[in-house]
Amino acid sequence: RWQHRPAIQVTNEPILEFKPGSPERAALQKALADLRGKTEDIPCVIGGEEVWTPTVRYQLSPFNHAHKVAKYCYASKELINKAINAALSARKEWDLKPVQDRAQIFLKAADMLSGPRRAEVLAKTRPEPGKTVIQAEIDAAAELIDFFRFNAKYALELEQSQPLSVDISTNSMVYRGLEGFVAAVSPFNFTAIGGNLAGAPALMGNVVLWKPSDTALLSSYAVYKILLEAGLPPNVVQFVPSDGPEFGDTVTSSEHFCGLNFTGSVSENLDRYRNSPRLAGGTGLSSHLFGGCRAEGAASPLLRGERLRIPVRFGGQKCSACSRLYAPASLWPHIKEKLLEEHGKIKVGDPTQDFGTFFSAVIDDK
């Protein structure tokens, strides 16, 4: 059973009709006129800095090939790795930011999309896949706004969902981001999906490498800049246009790769499989041990005797193996002394020959 408290109230964004003479129609026509015949420069953005590489390309309007909608460049393998490092440098601070603060960024971005930036994003969505005004409206405006608002609502509700506590026991759950980075690979056909694939992991405390589609760079970059203006720290999401296979090879080769958010026809470097691999699985689940103190200041009984042997039982090769110890700084000298004392008592050897052996070999050198 769970305790559940209501979070913020949100509603679906109204879909505007763009009737002749309406203010939304006039605003969109002006935004389209401002873009006509222009080519926007779209760099890679790594660690908050705009970066250009020699691999320069152009995004063309699908219905007017003479119009170069955007000039952009591909990130090299070295630059993608630099983006990974930049993201990781921000991971801990971003993960520790309260979910209420993270949610406010996306709520502000939704308000910007709903109001002053709506016409701009619609105008930049329309020349890419050739969407009609209503198709652009239900995607780049209404759906993306709903993604940002409802995701924020659900994140706040999730944070507030806690196990029940009783008089003799207090139970709580902490929701943490993943210890690495998420790769977001977005499609050409929906501006909203691009913003959501990169935005949802970021909202939940993760850092992201966003690889937009080559044919949706104009709208993706507009959404990215709105997120930054709404308060998203520069290193949380890296904007990395790149060659699909090279991006896939590079991110999946990193030891810090921990998730793929993908929508498209064929995933980056996953077209070799007959089915779509699911990047979800059972991995080693490690336990954490918290060290407290009693009123008289002595170390908790949990940190004495058998409890100190938890990390090395079965060579640490089981899900209940303790990988982290959280202890008050004031108690650490005493705890460390006890740990070393118990460490000296652990018997290493062949458990089939000596039943008193506590620690044996691990399965292999991998």
Protein backbone atom coordinates (compact mmCIF):
# COMPACT_ATOMS: atom_id res chain seq x y z
CA ARG A 1 0.00 0.00 0.00
CA TRP A 2 1.16 3.50 -0.79
CA GLN A 3 0.45 6.95 0.46
CA HIS A 4 -0.64 9.19 -2.39
CA ARG A 5 -1.01 12.95 -2.38
CA PRO A 6 -2.39 15.08 -5.21
CA ALA A 7 0.18 17.06 -7.20
CA ILE A 8 -0.37 20.07 -9.45
CA GLN A 9 -3.44 20.26 -11.65
CA VAL A 10 -2.92 20.41 -15.41
CA THR A 11 -5.24 20.20 -18.40
CA ASN A 12 -4.75 19.45 -22.08
CA GLU A 13 -3.58 22.37 -24.17
CA PRO A 14 -6.41 23.73 -26.36
CA ILE A 15 -5.88 23.23 -30.10
CA LEU A 16 -6.11 26.56 -31.89
CA GLU A 17 -8.06 26.75 -35.17
CA PHE A 18 -6.10 29.44 -37.06
CA LYS A 19 -9.22 30.88 -38.67
CA PRO A 20 -8.83 33.87 -41.00
CA GLY A 21 -8.43 37.03 -38.96
CA SER A 22 -7.51 35.18 -35.76
CA PRO A 23 -4.50 36.39 -33.75
CA GLU A 24 -2.83 32.96 -33.89
CA ARG A 25 -3.05 32.94 -37.69
CA ALA A 26 -1.52 36.41 -37.93
CA ALA A 27 1.32 35.46 -35.57
CA LEU A 28 2.10 32.29 -37.54
CA GLN A 29 2.05 34.10 -40.87
CA LYS A 30 4.55 36.63 -39.52
CA ALA A 31 6.81 33.85 -38.18
CA LEU A 32 6.71 32.06 -41.54
CA ALA A 33 7.53 35.29 -43.36
CA ASP A 34 10.54 35.81 -41.08
CA LEU A 35 11.87 32.36 -42.05
CA ARG A 36 11.22 32.59 -45.78
CA GLY A 37 14.42 32.26 -47.78
CA LYS A 38 16.60 32.13 -44.67
CA THR A 39 19.04 29.42 -43.60
CA GLU A 40 19.54 29.00 -39.85
CA ASP A 41 22.93 27.97 -38.51
CA ILE A 42 22.57 25.02 -36.13
CA PRO A 43 25.78 23.96 -34.35
CA CYS A 44 26.49 21.09 -32.03
CA VAL A 45 26.13 22.32 -28.46
CA ILE A 46 28.56 20.66 -26.08
CA GLY A 47 28.92 21.82 -22.50
CA GLY A 48 26.95 24.94 -23.31
CA GLU A 49 29.33 25.93 -26.13
CA GLU A 50 28.51 26.03 -29.84
CA VAL A 51 30.86 23.79 -31.81
CA TRP A 52 31.30 23.45 -35.58
CA THR A 53 33.05 20.56 -37.29
CA PRO A 54 34.23 20.25 -40.92
CA THR A 55 31.31 17.90 -41.71
CA VAL A 56 28.88 20.63 -42.75
CA ARG A 57 25.50 19.67 -44.18
CA TYR A 58 22.24 21.33 -45.15
CA GLN A 59 18.66 20.53 -44.28
CA LEU A 60 16.39 21.09 -47.28
CA SER A 61 12.70 21.78 -47.29
CA PRO A 62 11.03 18.61 -48.62
CA PHE A 63 8.69 20.58 -50.82
CA ASN A 64 11.20 23.22 -51.96
CA HIS A 65 14.65 21.74 -52.45
CA ALA A 66 16.05 25.12 -53.39
CA HIS A 67 15.43 26.31 -49.83
CA LYS A 68 18.17 25.36 -47.40
CA VAL A 69 16.24 25.41 -44.14
CA ALA A 70 19.28 24.90 -41.93
CA LYS A 71 23.04 24.59 -42.04
CA TYR A 72 24.42 22.11 -39.53
CA CYS A 73 27.36 19.81 -38.89
CA TYR A 74 27.93 16.27 -37.69
CA ALA A 75 29.63 15.65 -34.36
CA SER A 76 32.69 13.43 -34.70
CA LYS A 77 33.34 10.45 -32.44
CA GLU A 78 35.71 12.61 -30.40
CA LEU A 79 33.08 15.31 -30.01
CA ILE A 80 30.42 12.78 -28.99
CA ASN A 81 32.77 11.52 -26.28
CA LYS A 82 33.36 15.11 -25.20
CA ALA A 83 29.58 15.51 -24.96
CA ILE A 84 29.40 12.40 -22.77
CA ASN A 85 32.02 13.83 -20.41
CA ALA A 86 30.28 17.21 -20.32
CA ALA A 87 26.99 15.54 -19.44
CA LEU A 88 28.56 13.39 -16.73
CA SER A 89 30.12 16.47 -15.14
CA ALA A 90 26.62 17.80 -14.47
CA ARG A 91 24.98 14.52 -13.45
CA LYS A 92 25.36 14.60 -9.67
CA GLU A 93 24.33 18.22 -9.22
CA TRP A 94 21.33 17.81 -11.52
CA ASP A 95 20.21 14.58 -9.86
CA LEU A 96 20.37 16.25 -6.44
CA LYS A 97 18.20 19.16 -7.56
CA PRO A 98 14.71 18.70 -6.06
CA VAL A 99 12.18 17.34 -8.51
CA GLN A 100 10.02 20.39 -7.77
CA ASP A 101 12.75 22.62 -9.20
CA ARG A 102 13.28 20.41 -12.24
CA ALA A 103 9.53 20.31 -12.89
CA GLN A 104 9.31 24.10 -12.81
CA ILE A 105 11.73 24.31 -15.75
CA PHE A 106 9.50 22.14 -17.92
CA LEU A 107 6.34 23.91 -16.78
CA LYS A 108 7.93 27.21 -17.77
CA ALA A 109 8.96 25.78 -21.14
CA ALA A 110 5.36 24.65 -21.66
CA ASP A 111 4.12 28.17 -20.89
CA MET A 112 6.59 29.61 -23.39
CA LEU A 113 5.41 27.17 -26.05
CA SER A 114 1.78 27.93 -25.23
CA GLY A 115 2.33 31.67 -25.48
CA PRO A 116 5.14 33.76 -26.96
CA ARG A 117 7.08 30.94 -28.69
CA ARG A 118 4.17 29.01 -30.18
CA ALA A 119 4.24 30.66 -33.61
CA GLU A 120 8.03 30.28 -33.89
CA VAL A 121 8.02 26.53 -33.18
CA LEU A 122 5.06 25.95 -35.49
CA ALA A 123 6.76 27.91 -38.25
CA LYS A 124 9.94 25.88 -37.84
CA THR A 125 8.01 22.61 -37.81
CA ARG A 126 6.02 23.21 -40.97
CA PRO A 127 8.82 23.46 -43.60
CA GLU A 128 10.55 20.29 -42.38
CA PRO A 129 8.10 17.40 -42.91
CA GLY A 130 5.67 19.56 -44.86
CA LYS A 131 2.97 19.61 -42.19
CA THR A 132 -0.27 21.52 -42.50
CA VAL A 133 -0.98 24.17 -39.91
CA ILE A 134 -3.29 21.88 -37.93
CA GLN A 135 -0.87 18.95 -38.11
CA ALA A 136 1.88 21.22 -36.82
CA GLU A 137 -0.43 22.64 -34.14
CA ILE A 138 -1.43 19.27 -32.69
CA ASP A 139 2.22 18.18 -32.67
CA ALA A 140 4.68 20.98 -31.97
CA ALA A 141 2.30 22.98 -29.80
CA ALA A 142 -0.47 20.98 -28.14
CA GLU A 143 1.24 17.60 -27.75
CA LEU A 144 4.64 18.96 -26.71
CA ILE A 145 3.04 21.31 -24.18
CA ASP A 146 1.05 18.38 -22.79
CA PHE A 147 4.20 16.26 -22.59
CA PHE A 148 6.02 18.89 -20.55
CA ARG A 149 3.09 19.67 -18.24
CA PHE A 150 1.83 16.15 -17.62
CA ASN A 151 5.35 14.76 -17.25
CA ALA A 152 6.00 17.38 -14.56
CA LYS A 153 2.74 16.46 -12.83
CA TYR A 154 3.54 12.73 -12.92
CA ALA A 155 7.10 13.32 -11.68
CA LEU A 156 5.80 15.26 -8.69
CA GLU A 157 3.20 12.59 -7.96
CA LEU A 158 5.82 9.86 -8.18
CA GLU A 159 8.06 11.70 -5.74
CA GLN A 160 5.16 12.04 -3.32
CA SER A 161 4.28 8.35 -3.52
CA GLN A 162 5.87 6.84 -0.44
CA PRO A 163 5.48 3.53 1.41
CA LEU A 164 3.27 3.59 4.48
CA SER A 165 4.97 4.11 7.82
CA VAL A 166 3.85 2.89 11.23
CA ASP A 167 4.65 4.01 14.76
CA ILE A 168 7.69 1.76 15.09
CA SER A 169 8.98 2.05 11.53
CA THR A 170 9.47 4.90 9.07
CA ASN A 171 9.60 3.88 5.42
CA SER A 172 10.67 6.15 2.59
CA MET A 173 11.80 5.92 -1.00
CA VAL A 174 14.25 8.15 -2.86
CA TYR A 175 13.90 8.43 -6.64
CA ARG A 176 17.29 8.87 -8.29
CA GLY A 177 18.53 9.41 -11.81
CA LEU A 178 20.61 6.77 -13.56
CA GLU A 179 24.36 6.73 -12.92
CA GLY A 180 25.42 7.54 -16.45
CA PHE A 181 23.81 9.21 -19.46
CA VAL A 182 20.75 8.59 -21.62
CA ALA A 183 20.95 8.76 -25.41
CA ALA A 184 17.84 10.29 -27.00
CA VAL A 185 17.45 9.61 -30.73
CA SER A 186 14.46 11.50 -32.10
CA PRO A 187 12.53 11.10 -35.37
CA PHE A 188 11.84 13.51 -38.19
CA ASN A 189 8.07 13.45 -38.04
CA PHE A 190 7.11 14.75 -34.60
CA THR A 191 8.62 17.77 -32.89
CA ALA A 192 6.81 16.77 -29.70
CA ILE A 193 8.42 13.34 -29.60
CA GLY A 194 11.88 14.86 -29.97
CA GLY A 195 11.30 17.20 -27.05
CA ASN A 196 9.86 14.38 -24.98
CA LEU A 197 12.58 11.81 -25.69
CA ALA A 198 15.21 14.24 -24.44
CA GLY A 199 13.08 16.03 -21.87
CA ALA A 200 11.51 13.16 -19.93
CA PRO A 201 14.82 11.58 -18.79
CA ALA A 202 16.17 15.04 -17.93
CA LEU A 203 13.09 15.80 -15.83
CA MET A 204 13.75 12.65 -13.80
CA GLY A 205 17.31 13.70 -12.93
CA ASN A 206 19.24 12.23 -15.86
CA VAL A 207 21.73 13.82 -18.24
CA VAL A 208 21.06 13.34 -21.94
CA LEU A 209 22.75 13.29 -25.33
CA TRP A 210 20.11 14.38 -27.84
CA LYS A 211 20.68 13.29 -31.43
CA PRO A 212 17.95 14.90 -33.54
CA SER A 213 16.94 13.71 -36.98
CA ASP A 214 18.81 15.34 -39.87
CA THR A 215 15.43 16.35 -41.29
CA ALA A 216 14.04 17.88 -38.10
CA LEU A 217 16.95 20.01 -36.94
CA LEU A 218 15.22 23.36 -37.25
CA SER A 219 12.34 22.49 -34.92
CA SER A 220 14.47 20.37 -32.56
CA TYR A 221 16.96 23.18 -32.08
CA ALA A 222 14.11 25.61 -31.39
CA VAL A 223 12.77 23.33 -28.63
CA TYR A 224 16.27 22.85 -27.23
CA LYS A 225 16.81 26.62 -26.98
CA ILE A 226 13.43 27.08 -25.28
CA LEU A 227 14.41 24.52 -22.64
CA LEU A 228 17.65 26.42 -22.00
CA GLU A 229 15.79 29.72 -21.75
CA ALA A 230 13.36 28.10 -19.32
CA GLY A 231 16.26 27.35 -16.99
CA LEU A 232 17.66 23.97 -18.03
CA PRO A 233 21.38 23.97 -17.12
CA PRO A 234 23.62 23.81 -20.23
CA ASN A 235 25.28 20.47 -19.46
CA VAL A 236 22.11 18.52 -18.71
CA VAL A 237 21.20 18.01 -22.38
CA GLN A 238 23.89 17.99 -25.07
CA PHE A 239 22.64 18.77 -28.59
CA VAL A 240 24.53 16.39 -30.86
CA PRO A 241 23.58 16.16 -34.55
CA SER A 242 25.61 13.26 -35.91
CA ASP A 243 25.80 10.31 -38.23
CA GLY A 244 23.45 7.65 -36.87
CA PRO A 245 25.77 4.61 -36.91
CA GLU A 246 28.71 6.60 -35.54
CA PHE A 247 26.54 8.03 -32.76
CA GLY A 248 25.19 4.57 -31.95
CA ASP A 249 28.64 2.97 -31.91
CA THR A 250 30.09 5.71 -29.73
CA VAL A 251 27.40 5.92 -27.07
CA THR A 252 26.91 2.16 -26.75
CA SER A 253 30.68 1.72 -26.39
CA SER A 254 30.77 4.02 -23.36
CA GLU A 255 30.82 2.42 -19.92
CA HIS A 256 28.54 5.25 -18.80
CA PHE A 257 25.76 4.45 -21.30
CA CYS A 258 22.67 3.57 -19.28
CA GLY A 259 19.64 4.15 -21.46
CA LEU A 260 18.34 4.69 -24.99
CA ASN A 261 15.21 6.71 -25.72
CA PHE A 262 14.38 6.10 -29.36
CA THR A 263 11.60 6.62 -31.86
CA GLY A 264 12.06 5.96 -35.55
CA SER A 265 11.95 3.42 -38.33
CA VAL A 266 15.31 1.76 -37.62
CA SER A 267 17.22 2.41 -34.41
CA GLU A 268 20.83 3.55 -34.58
CA ASN A 269 22.96 0.42 -35.06
CA LEU A 270 20.06 -1.85 -34.12
CA ASP A 271 19.11 -2.71 -37.70
CA ARG A 272 21.27 -5.83 -37.54
CA TYR A 273 18.71 -7.57 -35.35
CA ARG A 274 15.60 -9.45 -36.45
CA ASN A 275 13.68 -7.94 -33.55
CA SER A 276 14.06 -4.71 -31.62
CA PRO A 277 16.36 -5.31 -28.64
CA ARG A 278 14.95 -4.04 -25.38
CA LEU A 279 17.38 -2.04 -23.34
CA ALA A 280 15.86 -3.21 -20.12
CA GLY A 281 17.07 -6.15 -18.11
CA GLY A 282 18.01 -7.59 -14.80
CA THR A 283 21.45 -6.50 -13.66
CA GLY A 284 23.21 -6.81 -10.35
CA LEU A 285 21.09 -5.06 -7.75
CA SER A 286 23.32 -3.88 -4.93
CA SER A 287 22.15 -3.03 -1.44
CA HIS A 288 22.99 0.04 0.60
CA LEU A 289 23.71 0.13 4.32
CA PHE A 290 22.92 3.14 6.48
CA GLY A 291 24.84 3.66 9.68
CA GLY A 292 23.16 5.63 12.44
CA CYS A 293 23.75 6.04 16.13
CA ARG A 294 22.03 5.46 19.42
CA ALA A 295 21.34 8.14 21.97
CA GLU A 296 24.63 7.50 23.73
CA GLY A 297 26.50 8.01 20.47
CA ALA A 298 27.69 4.44 19.94
CA ALA A 299 27.69 2.96 16.45
CA SER A 300 24.54 1.13 15.44
CA PRO A 301 24.50 -2.65 16.01
CA LEU A 302 23.92 -2.92 12.26
CA LEU A 303 27.57 -1.99 11.78
CA ARG A 304 28.96 -4.74 13.96
CA GLY A 305 29.50 -8.45 13.55
CA GLU A 306 27.88 -10.25 10.64
CA ARG A 307 26.51 -7.06 9.09
CA LEU A 308 30.04 -5.98 8.24
CA ARG A 309 30.47 -9.13 6.15
CA ILE A 310 27.53 -8.36 3.84
CA PRO A 311 29.67 -6.90 1.03
CA VAL A 312 31.91 -9.97 0.68
CA ARG A 313 29.44 -12.81 1.22
CA PHE A 314 29.64 -15.01 -1.91
CA GLY A 315 32.40 -12.73 -3.12
CA GLY A 316 29.89 -9.90 -3.55
CA GLN A 317 28.30 -11.80 -6.46
CA LYS A 318 24.68 -11.55 -5.35
CA CYS A 319 22.04 -8.88 -5.44
CA SER A 320 22.03 -8.44 -1.67
CA ALA A 321 25.73 -7.59 -1.64
CA CYS A 322 26.23 -4.20 -0.05
CA SER A 323 27.99 -1.77 -2.37
CA ARG A 324 27.64 1.44 -0.39
CA LEU A 325 27.78 2.47 3.22
CA TYR A 326 26.27 5.78 4.29
CA ALA A 327 27.57 6.93 7.66
CA PRO A 328 27.69 10.20 9.63
CA ALA A 329 31.11 11.82 9.38
CA SER A 330 31.29 11.99 13.17
CA LEU A 331 30.98 8.19 13.43
CA TRP A 332 33.24 7.25 10.53
CA PRO A 333 36.49 6.78 12.55
CA HIS A 334 34.74 4.31 14.88
CA ILE A 335 33.00 2.53 12.00
CA LYS A 336 36.24 2.27 10.03
CA GLU A 337 37.98 0.73 13.06
CA LYS A 338 35.24 -1.89 13.35
CA LEU A 339 35.34 -2.62 9.62
CA LEU A 340 39.08 -3.26 9.72
CA GLU A 341 38.69 -5.39 12.84
CA GLU A 342 36.09 -7.62 11.15
CA HIS A 343 38.08 -7.66 7.92
CA GLY A 344 40.95 -9.31 9.74
CA LYS A 345 38.66 -12.15 10.89
CA ILE A 346 37.42 -13.12 7.41
CA LYS A 347 38.81 -16.47 6.30
CA VAL A 348 39.71 -16.86 2.62
CA GLY A 349 40.14 -20.24 0.96
CA ASP A 350 38.47 -23.31 -0.54
CA PRO A 351 34.96 -23.64 0.94
CA THR A 352 34.68 -27.27 -0.14
CA GLN A 353 37.65 -28.19 2.00
CA ASP A 354 37.09 -25.89 4.97
CA PHE A 355 33.54 -25.06 6.02
CA GLY A 356 34.90 -22.18 8.05
CA THR A 357 35.92 -20.37 4.86
CA PHE A 358 33.92 -17.19 4.38
CA PHE A 359 35.39 -15.72 1.20
CA SER A 360 36.28 -17.76 -1.87
CA ALA A 361 37.05 -17.01 -5.52
CA VAL A 362 34.89 -14.91 -7.86
CA ILE A 363 33.55 -16.66 -10.94
CA ASP A 364 36.16 -15.36 -13.45
CA ASP A 365 38.38 -12.40 -14.26
CA LYS A 366 35.59 -10.53 -16.06
